[in-house]
Amino acid sequence: RGANMPRSHEEYKGPFAFSETETQHVRDLALWLRPALYVNVHSGITEMYMGWDHRAEDVPNGRQVMAMLSHLNASYCNCPFGSAGKIGGYVVYGGSMDY
């Protein structure tokens, strides 16, 4: 879907995985840091997301991740949280949440 859009479009994802400079940098940083948890706070609508972005279902370890998000939410966000493809209202292809 996003690969057929003009490069200037906000949902352009490139012709293949990690083809874009920005995603290469994020991938390399994640490989270097080896984080135990990645939290995506969508500041535009104040929601806290976990994977997946490209489907409306939870990641395989969804219960564990939801427990961590619940703890973080109580302390910091007090906002809706969960699978981005479920609570965000639309799916996004090729985002960082799918890596």
PDB file of N, CA and C in Angstrom:
ATOM      1  N   ARG A   1       0.819  -1.183   0.000  1.00  0.00           N
ATOM      2  CA  ARG A   1       0.000   0.000   0.000  1.00  0.00           C
ATOM      3  C   ARG A   1       0.865   1.250   0.000  1.00  0.00           C
ATOM      4  N   GLY A   2       1.681   1.483   1.001  1.00  0.00           N
ATOM      5  CA  GLY A   2       2.470   2.705   1.094  1.00  0.00           C
ATOM      6  C   GLY A   2       3.579   2.817   0.078  1.00  0.00           C
ATOM      7  N   ALA A   3       4.021   1.693  -0.519  1.00  0.00           N
ATOM      8  CA  ALA A   3       5.110   1.733  -1.489  1.00  0.00           C
ATOM      9  C   ALA A   3       4.685   2.372  -2.803  1.00  0.00           C
ATOM     10  N   ASN A   4       3.405   2.381  -3.114  1.00  0.00           N
ATOM     11  CA  ASN A   4       2.923   2.923  -4.376  1.00  0.00           C
ATOM     12  C   ASN A   4       2.575   4.399  -4.299  1.00  0.00           C
ATOM     13  N   MET A   5       2.816   5.001  -3.161  1.00  0.00           N
ATOM     14  CA  MET A   5       2.489   6.415  -2.980  1.00  0.00           C
ATOM     15  C   MET A   5       3.704   7.272  -3.340  1.00  0.00           C
ATOM     16  N   PRO A   6       3.500   8.548  -3.598  1.00  0.00           N
ATOM     17  CA  PRO A   6       4.648   9.435  -3.842  1.00  0.00           C
ATOM     18  C   PRO A   6       5.545   9.498  -2.606  1.00  0.00           C
ATOM     19  N   ARG A   7       6.834   9.684  -2.811  1.00  0.00           N
ATOM     20  CA  ARG A   7       7.791   9.749  -1.690  1.00  0.00           C
ATOM     21  C   ARG A   7       7.408  10.823  -0.675  1.00  0.00           C
ATOM     22  N   SER A   8       6.718  11.860  -1.113  1.00  0.00           N
ATOM     23  CA  SER A   8       6.345  12.963  -0.228  1.00  0.00           C
ATOM     24  C   SER A   8       5.152  12.624   0.668  1.00  0.00           C
ATOM     25  N   HIS A   9       4.442  11.535   0.391  1.00  0.00           N
ATOM     26  CA  HIS A   9       3.256  11.171   1.164  1.00  0.00           C
ATOM     27  C   HIS A   9       3.675  10.639   2.536  1.00  0.00           C
ATOM     28  N   GLU A  10       2.948  11.010   3.590  1.00  0.00           N
ATOM     29  CA  GLU A  10       3.327  10.606   4.949  1.00  0.00           C
ATOM     30  C   GLU A  10       3.283   9.101   5.183  1.00  0.00           C
ATOM     31  N   GLU A  11       2.567   8.354   4.368  1.00  0.00           N
ATOM     32  CA  GLU A  11       2.509   6.909   4.536  1.00  0.00           C
ATOM     33  C   GLU A  11       3.417   6.149   3.569  1.00  0.00           C
ATOM     34  N   TYR A  12       4.269   6.862   2.833  1.00  0.00           N
ATOM     35  CA  TYR A  12       5.201   6.192   1.929  1.00  0.00           C
ATOM     36  C   TYR A  12       6.159   5.345   2.758  1.00  0.00           C
ATOM     37  N   LYS A  13       6.298   4.076   2.407  1.00  0.00           N
ATOM     38  CA  LYS A  13       7.138   3.181   3.209  1.00  0.00           C
ATOM     39  C   LYS A  13       8.379   2.722   2.484  1.00  0.00           C
ATOM     40  N   GLY A  14       8.562   3.118   1.253  1.00  0.00           N
ATOM     41  CA  GLY A  14       9.721   2.683   0.491  1.00  0.00           C
ATOM     42  C   GLY A  14       9.435   1.400  -0.257  1.00  0.00           C
ATOM     43  N   PRO A  15      10.338   1.022  -1.157  1.00  0.00           N
ATOM     44  CA  PRO A  15      10.103  -0.148  -1.991  1.00  0.00           C
ATOM     45  C   PRO A  15      10.316  -1.488  -1.280  1.00  0.00           C
ATOM     46  N   PHE A  16      11.042  -1.488  -0.160  1.00  0.00           N
ATOM     47  CA  PHE A  16      11.273  -2.721   0.591  1.00  0.00           C
ATOM     48  C   PHE A  16      11.615  -2.367   2.039  1.00  0.00           C
ATOM     49  N   ALA A  17      11.592  -3.361   2.900  1.00  0.00           N
ATOM     50  CA  ALA A  17      11.849  -3.138   4.331  1.00  0.00           C
ATOM     51  C   ALA A  17      13.205  -2.464   4.542  1.00  0.00           C
ATOM     52  N   PHE A  18      13.216  -1.436   5.364  1.00  0.00           N
ATOM     53  CA  PHE A  18      14.417  -0.673   5.718  1.00  0.00           C
ATOM     54  C   PHE A  18      15.082  -0.012   4.517  1.00  0.00           C
ATOM     55  N   SER A  19      14.321   0.316   3.500  1.00  0.00           N
ATOM     56  CA  SER A  19      14.879   1.000   2.336  1.00  0.00           C
ATOM     57  C   SER A  19      15.059   2.491   2.590  1.00  0.00           C
ATOM     58  N   GLU A  20      14.375   3.025   3.591  1.00  0.00           N
ATOM     59  CA  GLU A  20      14.434   4.455   3.866  1.00  0.00           C
ATOM     60  C   GLU A  20      15.457   4.757   4.959  1.00  0.00           C
ATOM     61  N   THR A  21      16.160   5.870   4.805  1.00  0.00           N
ATOM     62  CA  THR A  21      17.232   6.260   5.726  1.00  0.00           C
ATOM     63  C   THR A  21      16.744   6.305   7.171  1.00  0.00           C
ATOM     64  N   GLU A  22      15.554   6.865   7.401  1.00  0.00           N
ATOM     65  CA  GLU A  22      15.046   7.001   8.766  1.00  0.00           C
ATOM     66  C   GLU A  22      14.866   5.641   9.436  1.00  0.00           C
ATOM     67  N   THR A  23      14.295   4.687   8.702  1.00  0.00           N
ATOM     68  CA  THR A  23      14.073   3.373   9.309  1.00  0.00           C
ATOM     69  C   THR A  23      15.380   2.629   9.510  1.00  0.00           C
ATOM     70  N   GLN A  24      16.365   2.877   8.659  1.00  0.00           N
ATOM     71  CA  GLN A  24      17.681   2.260   8.854  1.00  0.00           C
ATOM     72  C   GLN A  24      18.313   2.751  10.143  1.00  0.00           C
ATOM     73  N   HIS A  25      18.185   4.040  10.420  1.00  0.00           N
ATOM     74  CA  HIS A  25      18.749   4.605  11.654  1.00  0.00           C
ATOM     75  C   HIS A  25      18.051   4.053  12.896  1.00  0.00           C
ATOM     76  N   VAL A  26      16.722   3.985  12.843  1.00  0.00           N
ATOM     77  CA  VAL A  26      15.975   3.443  13.986  1.00  0.00           C
ATOM     78  C   VAL A  26      16.326   1.973  14.208  1.00  0.00           C
ATOM     79  N   ARG A  27      16.401   1.194  13.132  1.00  0.00           N
ATOM     80  CA  ARG A  27      16.782  -0.218  13.235  1.00  0.00           C
ATOM     81  C   ARG A  27      18.175  -0.363  13.845  1.00  0.00           C
ATOM     82  N   ASP A  28      19.128   0.407  13.347  1.00  0.00           N
ATOM     83  CA  ASP A  28      20.506   0.314  13.844  1.00  0.00           C
ATOM     84  C   ASP A  28      20.600   0.704  15.316  1.00  0.00           C
ATOM     85  N   LEU A  29      19.852   1.718  15.715  1.00  0.00           N
ATOM     86  CA  LEU A  29      19.842   2.131  17.116  1.00  0.00           C
ATOM     87  C   LEU A  29      19.248   1.044  18.005  1.00  0.00           C
ATOM     88  N   ALA A  30      18.152   0.441  17.556  1.00  0.00           N
ATOM     89  CA  ALA A  30      17.528  -0.644  18.329  1.00  0.00           C
ATOM     90  C   ALA A  30      18.466  -1.843  18.442  1.00  0.00           C
ATOM     91  N   LEU A  31      19.167  -2.181  17.373  1.00  0.00           N
ATOM     92  CA  LEU A  31      20.116  -3.298  17.426  1.00  0.00           C
ATOM     93  C   LEU A  31      21.279  -2.994  18.366  1.00  0.00           C
ATOM     94  N   TRP A  32      21.685  -1.724  18.429  1.00  0.00           N
ATOM     95  CA  TRP A  32      22.787  -1.326  19.304  1.00  0.00           C
ATOM     96  C   TRP A  32      22.346  -1.282  20.778  1.00  0.00           C
ATOM     97  N   LEU A  33      21.164  -0.713  21.047  1.00  0.00           N
ATOM     98  CA  LEU A  33      20.680  -0.565  22.418  1.00  0.00           C
ATOM     99  C   LEU A  33      20.094  -1.851  23.004  1.00  0.00           C
ATOM    100  N   ARG A  34      19.489  -2.700  22.136  1.00  0.00           N
ATOM    101  CA  ARG A  34      18.812  -3.927  22.575  1.00  0.00           C
ATOM    102  C   ARG A  34      17.801  -3.639  23.687  1.00  0.00           C
ATOM    103  N   PRO A  35      16.831  -2.746  23.447  1.00  0.00           N
ATOM    104  CA  PRO A  35      15.881  -2.382  24.507  1.00  0.00           C
ATOM    105  C   PRO A  35      14.990  -3.566  24.908  1.00  0.00           C
ATOM    106  N   ALA A  36      14.620  -3.585  26.169  1.00  0.00           N
ATOM    107  CA  ALA A  36      13.708  -4.614  26.665  1.00  0.00           C
ATOM    108  C   ALA A  36      12.259  -4.248  26.353  1.00  0.00           C
ATOM    109  N   LEU A  37      11.991  -2.971  26.135  1.00  0.00           N
ATOM    110  CA  LEU A  37      10.634  -2.502  25.894  1.00  0.00           C
ATOM    111  C   LEU A  37      10.675  -1.288  24.983  1.00  0.00           C
ATOM    112  N   TYR A  38       9.751  -1.237  24.054  1.00  0.00           N
ATOM    113  CA  TYR A  38       9.595  -0.091  23.160  1.00  0.00           C
ATOM    114  C   TYR A  38       8.178   0.408  23.351  1.00  0.00           C
ATOM    115  N   VAL A  39       8.032   1.663  23.732  1.00  0.00           N
ATOM    116  CA  VAL A  39       6.711   2.250  23.935  1.00  0.00           C
ATOM    117  C   VAL A  39       6.524   3.374  22.935  1.00  0.00           C
ATOM    118  N   ASN A  40       5.410   3.365  22.270  1.00  0.00           N
ATOM    119  CA  ASN A  40       5.073   4.384  21.285  1.00  0.00           C
ATOM    120  C   ASN A  40       3.941   5.217  21.865  1.00  0.00           C
ATOM    121  N   VAL A  41       4.237   6.457  22.235  1.00  0.00           N
ATOM    122  CA  VAL A  41       3.207   7.370  22.728  1.00  0.00           C
ATOM    123  C   VAL A  41       2.818   8.275  21.568  1.00  0.00           C
ATOM    124  N   HIS A  42       1.598   8.121  21.108  1.00  0.00           N
ATOM    125  CA  HIS A  42       1.093   8.908  19.979  1.00  0.00           C
ATOM    126  C   HIS A  42       0.585  10.225  20.547  1.00  0.00           C
ATOM    127  N   SER A  43       1.430  11.249  20.488  1.00  0.00           N
ATOM    128  CA  SER A  43       1.100  12.517  21.137  1.00  0.00           C
ATOM    129  C   SER A  43      -0.045  13.257  20.463  1.00  0.00           C
ATOM    130  N   GLY A  44      -0.293  12.975  19.192  1.00  0.00           N
ATOM    131  CA  GLY A  44      -1.372  13.671  18.482  1.00  0.00           C
ATOM    132  C   GLY A  44      -2.740  13.406  19.075  1.00  0.00           C
ATOM    133  N   ILE A  45      -2.967  12.186  19.572  1.00  0.00           N
ATOM    134  CA  ILE A  45      -4.260  11.851  20.164  1.00  0.00           C
ATOM    135  C   ILE A  45      -4.111  11.242  21.553  1.00  0.00           C
ATOM    136  N   THR A  46      -2.914  11.313  22.121  1.00  0.00           N
ATOM    137  CA  THR A  46      -2.593  10.823  23.463  1.00  0.00           C
ATOM    138  C   THR A  46      -3.058   9.382  23.661  1.00  0.00           C
ATOM    139  N   GLU A  47      -2.405   8.477  22.975  1.00  0.00           N
ATOM    140  CA  GLU A  47      -2.613   7.048  23.145  1.00  0.00           C
ATOM    141  C   GLU A  47      -1.250   6.373  23.216  1.00  0.00           C
ATOM    142  N   MET A  48      -1.180   5.282  23.962  1.00  0.00           N
ATOM    143  CA  MET A  48       0.064   4.540  24.122  1.00  0.00           C
ATOM    144  C   MET A  48      -0.094   3.199  23.414  1.00  0.00           C
ATOM    145  N   TYR A  49       0.799   2.931  22.460  1.00  0.00           N
ATOM    146  CA  TYR A  49       0.647   1.775  21.586  1.00  0.00           C
ATOM    147  C   TYR A  49       1.681   0.691  21.825  1.00  0.00           C
ATOM    148  N   MET A  50       1.252  -0.540  21.561  1.00  0.00           N
ATOM    149  CA  MET A  50       2.157  -1.670  21.399  1.00  0.00           C
ATOM    150  C   MET A  50       1.889  -2.219  19.996  1.00  0.00           C
ATOM    151  N   GLY A  51       2.736  -3.120  19.519  1.00  0.00           N
ATOM    152  CA  GLY A  51       2.507  -3.734  18.207  1.00  0.00           C
ATOM    153  C   GLY A  51       1.204  -4.517  18.227  1.00  0.00           C
ATOM    154  N   TRP A  52       0.746  -4.734  17.158  1.00  0.00           N
ATOM    155  CA  TRP A  52       1.166  -4.462  15.801  1.00  0.00           C
ATOM    156  C   TRP A  52       0.537  -3.174  15.308  1.00  0.00           C
ATOM    157  N   ASP A  53       1.147  -2.618  14.261  1.00  0.00           N
ATOM    158  CA  ASP A  53       0.538  -1.499  13.537  1.00  0.00           C
ATOM    159  C   ASP A  53      -0.192  -1.994  12.293  1.00  0.00           C
ATOM    160  N   HIS A  54       0.308  -3.085  11.709  1.00  0.00           N
ATOM    161  CA  HIS A  54      -0.211  -3.520  10.407  1.00  0.00           C
ATOM    162  C   HIS A  54      -1.349  -4.525  10.499  1.00  0.00           C
ATOM    163  N   ARG A  55      -1.781  -4.877  11.696  1.00  0.00           N
ATOM    164  CA  ARG A  55      -2.960  -5.733  11.862  1.00  0.00           C
ATOM    165  C   ARG A  55      -3.718  -5.341  13.131  1.00  0.00           C
ATOM    166  N   ALA A  56      -4.974  -5.658  13.152  1.00  0.00           N
ATOM    167  CA  ALA A  56      -5.818  -5.310  14.297  1.00  0.00           C
ATOM    168  C   ALA A  56      -5.880  -6.481  15.278  1.00  0.00           C
ATOM    169  N   GLU A  57      -4.716  -6.932  15.710  1.00  0.00           N
ATOM    170  CA  GLU A  57      -4.646  -7.997  16.719  1.00  0.00           C
ATOM    171  C   GLU A  57      -3.416  -7.765  17.585  1.00  0.00           C
ATOM    172  N   ASP A  58      -3.363  -8.418  18.713  1.00  0.00           N
ATOM    173  CA  ASP A  58      -2.256  -8.234  19.648  1.00  0.00           C
ATOM    174  C   ASP A  58      -1.035  -9.046  19.246  1.00  0.00           C
ATOM    175  N   VAL A  59       0.128  -8.601  19.711  1.00  0.00           N
ATOM    176  CA  VAL A  59       1.365  -9.347  19.524  1.00  0.00           C
ATOM    177  C   VAL A  59       1.285 -10.641  20.336  1.00  0.00           C
ATOM    178  N   PRO A  60       2.124 -11.642  20.013  1.00  0.00           N
ATOM    179  CA  PRO A  60       2.057 -12.929  20.719  1.00  0.00           C
ATOM    180  C   PRO A  60       2.164 -12.816  22.241  1.00  0.00           C
ATOM    181  N   ASN A  61       2.980 -11.912  22.755  1.00  0.00           N
ATOM    182  CA  ASN A  61       3.117 -11.733  24.200  1.00  0.00           C
ATOM    183  C   ASN A  61       2.274 -10.554  24.689  1.00  0.00           C
ATOM    184  N   GLY A  62       1.114 -10.379  24.071  1.00  0.00           N
ATOM    185  CA  GLY A  62       0.256  -9.234  24.345  1.00  0.00           C
ATOM    186  C   GLY A  62      -0.141  -9.046  25.795  1.00  0.00           C
ATOM    187  N   ARG A  63      -0.407 -10.138  26.512  1.00  0.00           N
ATOM    188  CA  ARG A  63      -0.795  -9.991  27.927  1.00  0.00           C
ATOM    189  C   ARG A  63       0.324  -9.384  28.758  1.00  0.00           C
ATOM    190  N   GLN A  64       1.551  -9.826  28.516  1.00  0.00           N
ATOM    191  CA  GLN A  64       2.698  -9.286  29.256  1.00  0.00           C
ATOM    192  C   GLN A  64       2.906  -7.811  28.916  1.00  0.00           C
ATOM    193  N   VAL A  65       2.831  -7.490  27.642  1.00  0.00           N
ATOM    194  CA  VAL A  65       3.035  -6.108  27.222  1.00  0.00           C
ATOM    195  C   VAL A  65       1.918  -5.219  27.765  1.00  0.00           C
ATOM    196  N   MET A  66       0.675  -5.702  27.736  1.00  0.00           N
ATOM    197  CA  MET A  66      -0.441  -4.922  28.287  1.00  0.00           C
ATOM    198  C   MET A  66      -0.246  -4.661  29.780  1.00  0.00           C
ATOM    199  N   ALA A  67       0.302  -5.637  30.506  1.00  0.00           N
ATOM    200  CA  ALA A  67       0.564  -5.441  31.938  1.00  0.00           C
ATOM    201  C   ALA A  67       1.593  -4.329  32.145  1.00  0.00           C
ATOM    202  N   MET A  68       2.642  -4.319  31.316  1.00  0.00           N
ATOM    203  CA  MET A  68       3.653  -3.262  31.419  1.00  0.00           C
ATOM    204  C   MET A  68       3.059  -1.912  31.046  1.00  0.00           C
ATOM    205  N   LEU A  69       2.257  -1.881  29.978  1.00  0.00           N
ATOM    206  CA  LEU A  69       1.629  -0.625  29.576  1.00  0.00           C
ATOM    207  C   LEU A  69       0.673  -0.112  30.644  1.00  0.00           C
ATOM    208  N   SER A  70      -0.025  -1.021  31.279  1.00  0.00           N
ATOM    209  CA  SER A  70      -0.943  -0.631  32.344  1.00  0.00           C
ATOM    210  C   SER A  70      -0.187   0.056  33.487  1.00  0.00           C
ATOM    211  N   HIS A  71       0.949  -0.502  33.847  1.00  0.00           N
ATOM    212  CA  HIS A  71       1.783   0.089  34.906  1.00  0.00           C
ATOM    213  C   HIS A  71       2.292   1.467  34.483  1.00  0.00           C
ATOM    214  N   LEU A  72       2.831   1.564  33.261  1.00  0.00           N
ATOM    215  CA  LEU A  72       3.314   2.851  32.759  1.00  0.00           C
ATOM    216  C   LEU A  72       2.183   3.863  32.651  1.00  0.00           C
ATOM    217  N   ASN A  73       1.031   3.409  32.185  1.00  0.00           N
ATOM    218  CA  ASN A  73      -0.109   4.290  32.008  1.00  0.00           C
ATOM    219  C   ASN A  73      -0.560   4.897  33.333  1.00  0.00           C
ATOM    220  N   ALA A  74      -0.609   4.088  34.360  1.00  0.00           N
ATOM    221  CA  ALA A  74      -1.055   4.582  35.673  1.00  0.00           C
ATOM    222  C   ALA A  74      -0.111   5.657  36.212  1.00  0.00           C
ATOM    223  N   SER A  75       1.169   5.545  35.901  1.00  0.00           N
ATOM    224  CA  SER A  75       2.157   6.482  36.434  1.00  0.00           C
ATOM    225  C   SER A  75       2.392   7.708  35.556  1.00  0.00           C
ATOM    226  N   TYR A  76       2.219   7.558  34.242  1.00  0.00           N
ATOM    227  CA  TYR A  76       2.672   8.623  33.358  1.00  0.00           C
ATOM    228  C   TYR A  76       1.660   9.172  32.360  1.00  0.00           C
ATOM    229  N   CYS A  77       0.789   8.346  31.831  1.00  0.00           N
ATOM    230  CA  CYS A  77      -0.007   8.789  30.677  1.00  0.00           C
ATOM    231  C   CYS A  77      -1.482   8.991  30.991  1.00  0.00           C
ATOM    232  N   ASN A  78      -2.097   8.026  31.681  1.00  0.00           N
ATOM    233  CA  ASN A  78      -3.538   8.048  31.939  1.00  0.00           C
ATOM    234  C   ASN A  78      -4.312   8.268  30.638  1.00  0.00           C
ATOM    235  N   CYS A  79      -4.035   7.380  29.674  1.00  0.00           N
ATOM    236  CA  CYS A  79      -4.614   7.509  28.341  1.00  0.00           C
ATOM    237  C   CYS A  79      -4.979   6.120  27.811  1.00  0.00           C
ATOM    238  N   PRO A  80      -5.723   6.040  26.710  1.00  0.00           N
ATOM    239  CA  PRO A  80      -6.004   4.733  26.109  1.00  0.00           C
ATOM    240  C   PRO A  80      -4.700   4.056  25.689  1.00  0.00           C
ATOM    241  N   PHE A  81      -4.628   2.738  25.827  1.00  0.00           N
ATOM    242  CA  PHE A  81      -3.420   2.015  25.428  1.00  0.00           C
ATOM    243  C   PHE A  81      -3.779   0.632  24.928  1.00  0.00           C
ATOM    244  N   GLY A  82      -2.906   0.084  24.093  1.00  0.00           N
ATOM    245  CA  GLY A  82      -3.107  -1.242  23.546  1.00  0.00           C
ATOM    246  C   GLY A  82      -2.515  -1.366  22.160  1.00  0.00           C
ATOM    247  N   SER A  83      -2.936  -2.369  21.428  1.00  0.00           N
ATOM    248  CA  SER A  83      -2.447  -2.627  20.083  1.00  0.00           C
ATOM    249  C   SER A  83      -2.816  -1.464  19.168  1.00  0.00           C
ATOM    250  N   ALA A  84      -1.814  -0.916  18.494  1.00  0.00           N
ATOM    251  CA  ALA A  84      -2.035   0.261  17.657  1.00  0.00           C
ATOM    252  C   ALA A  84      -3.077   0.008  16.573  1.00  0.00           C
ATOM    253  N   GLY A  85      -3.027  -1.156  15.959  1.00  0.00           N
ATOM    254  CA  GLY A  85      -3.987  -1.475  14.908  1.00  0.00           C
ATOM    255  C   GLY A  85      -5.411  -1.610  15.414  1.00  0.00           C
ATOM    256  N   LYS A  86      -5.549  -1.891  16.719  1.00  0.00           N
ATOM    257  CA  LYS A  86      -6.891  -2.012  17.325  1.00  0.00           C
ATOM    258  C   LYS A  86      -7.424  -0.668  17.781  1.00  0.00           C
ATOM    259  N   ILE A  87      -6.678   0.008  18.652  1.00  0.00           N
ATOM    260  CA  ILE A  87      -7.232   1.224  19.265  1.00  0.00           C
ATOM    261  C   ILE A  87      -6.983   2.476  18.446  1.00  0.00           C
ATOM    262  N   GLY A  88      -6.024   2.415  17.501  1.00  0.00           N
ATOM    263  CA  GLY A  88      -5.723   3.589  16.696  1.00  0.00           C
ATOM    264  C   GLY A  88      -6.770   3.881  15.640  1.00  0.00           C
ATOM    265  N   GLY A  89      -7.588   2.888  15.318  1.00  0.00           N
ATOM    266  CA  GLY A  89      -8.660   3.105  14.358  1.00  0.00           C
ATOM    267  C   GLY A  89      -8.282   2.833  12.916  1.00  0.00           C
ATOM    268  N   TYR A  90      -7.005   2.569  12.655  1.00  0.00           N
ATOM    269  CA  TYR A  90      -6.566   2.236  11.306  1.00  0.00           C
ATOM    270  C   TYR A  90      -5.244   1.486  11.406  1.00  0.00           C
ATOM    271  N   VAL A  91      -4.926   0.739  10.388  1.00  0.00           N
ATOM    272  CA  VAL A  91      -3.657   0.022  10.380  1.00  0.00           C
ATOM    273  C   VAL A  91      -2.624   0.809   9.581  1.00  0.00           C
ATOM    274  N   VAL A  92      -1.355   0.652   9.959  1.00  0.00           N
ATOM    275  CA  VAL A  92      -0.238   1.343   9.317  1.00  0.00           C
ATOM    276  C   VAL A  92       0.755   0.277   8.877  1.00  0.00           C
ATOM    277  N   TYR A  93       1.168   0.326   7.647  1.00  0.00           N
ATOM    278  CA  TYR A  93       2.084  -0.679   7.116  1.00  0.00           C
ATOM    279  C   TYR A  93       3.520  -0.167   7.145  1.00  0.00           C
ATOM    280  N   GLY A  94       4.422  -0.990   7.702  1.00  0.00           N
ATOM    281  CA  GLY A  94       5.839  -0.662   7.674  1.00  0.00           C
ATOM    282  C   GLY A  94       6.308   0.286   8.748  1.00  0.00           C
ATOM    283  N   GLY A  95       5.512   0.460   9.806  1.00  0.00           N
ATOM    284  CA  GLY A  95       5.914   1.348  10.890  1.00  0.00           C
ATOM    285  C   GLY A  95       6.891   0.675  11.841  1.00  0.00           C
ATOM    286  N   SER A  96       7.466   1.467  12.732  1.00  0.00           N
ATOM    287  CA  SER A  96       8.450   0.944  13.689  1.00  0.00           C
ATOM    288  C   SER A  96       7.845  -0.084  14.632  1.00  0.00           C
ATOM    289  N   MET A  97       6.539  -0.052  14.838  1.00  0.00           N
ATOM    290  CA  MET A  97       5.894  -0.994  15.759  1.00  0.00           C
ATOM    291  C   MET A  97       5.872  -2.416  15.215  1.00  0.00           C
ATOM    292  N   ASP A  98       6.153  -2.585  13.939  1.00  0.00           N
ATOM    293  CA  ASP A  98       6.135  -3.911  13.329  1.00  0.00           C
ATOM    294  C   ASP A  98       7.521  -4.535  13.249  1.00  0.00           C
ATOM    295  N   TYR A  99       8.543  -3.817  13.703  1.00  0.00           N
ATOM    296  CA  TYR A  99       9.907  -4.338  13.590  1.00  0.00           C
ATOM    297  C   TYR A  99      10.200  -5.327  14.692  1.00  0.00           C
TER     298      TYR A  99
END
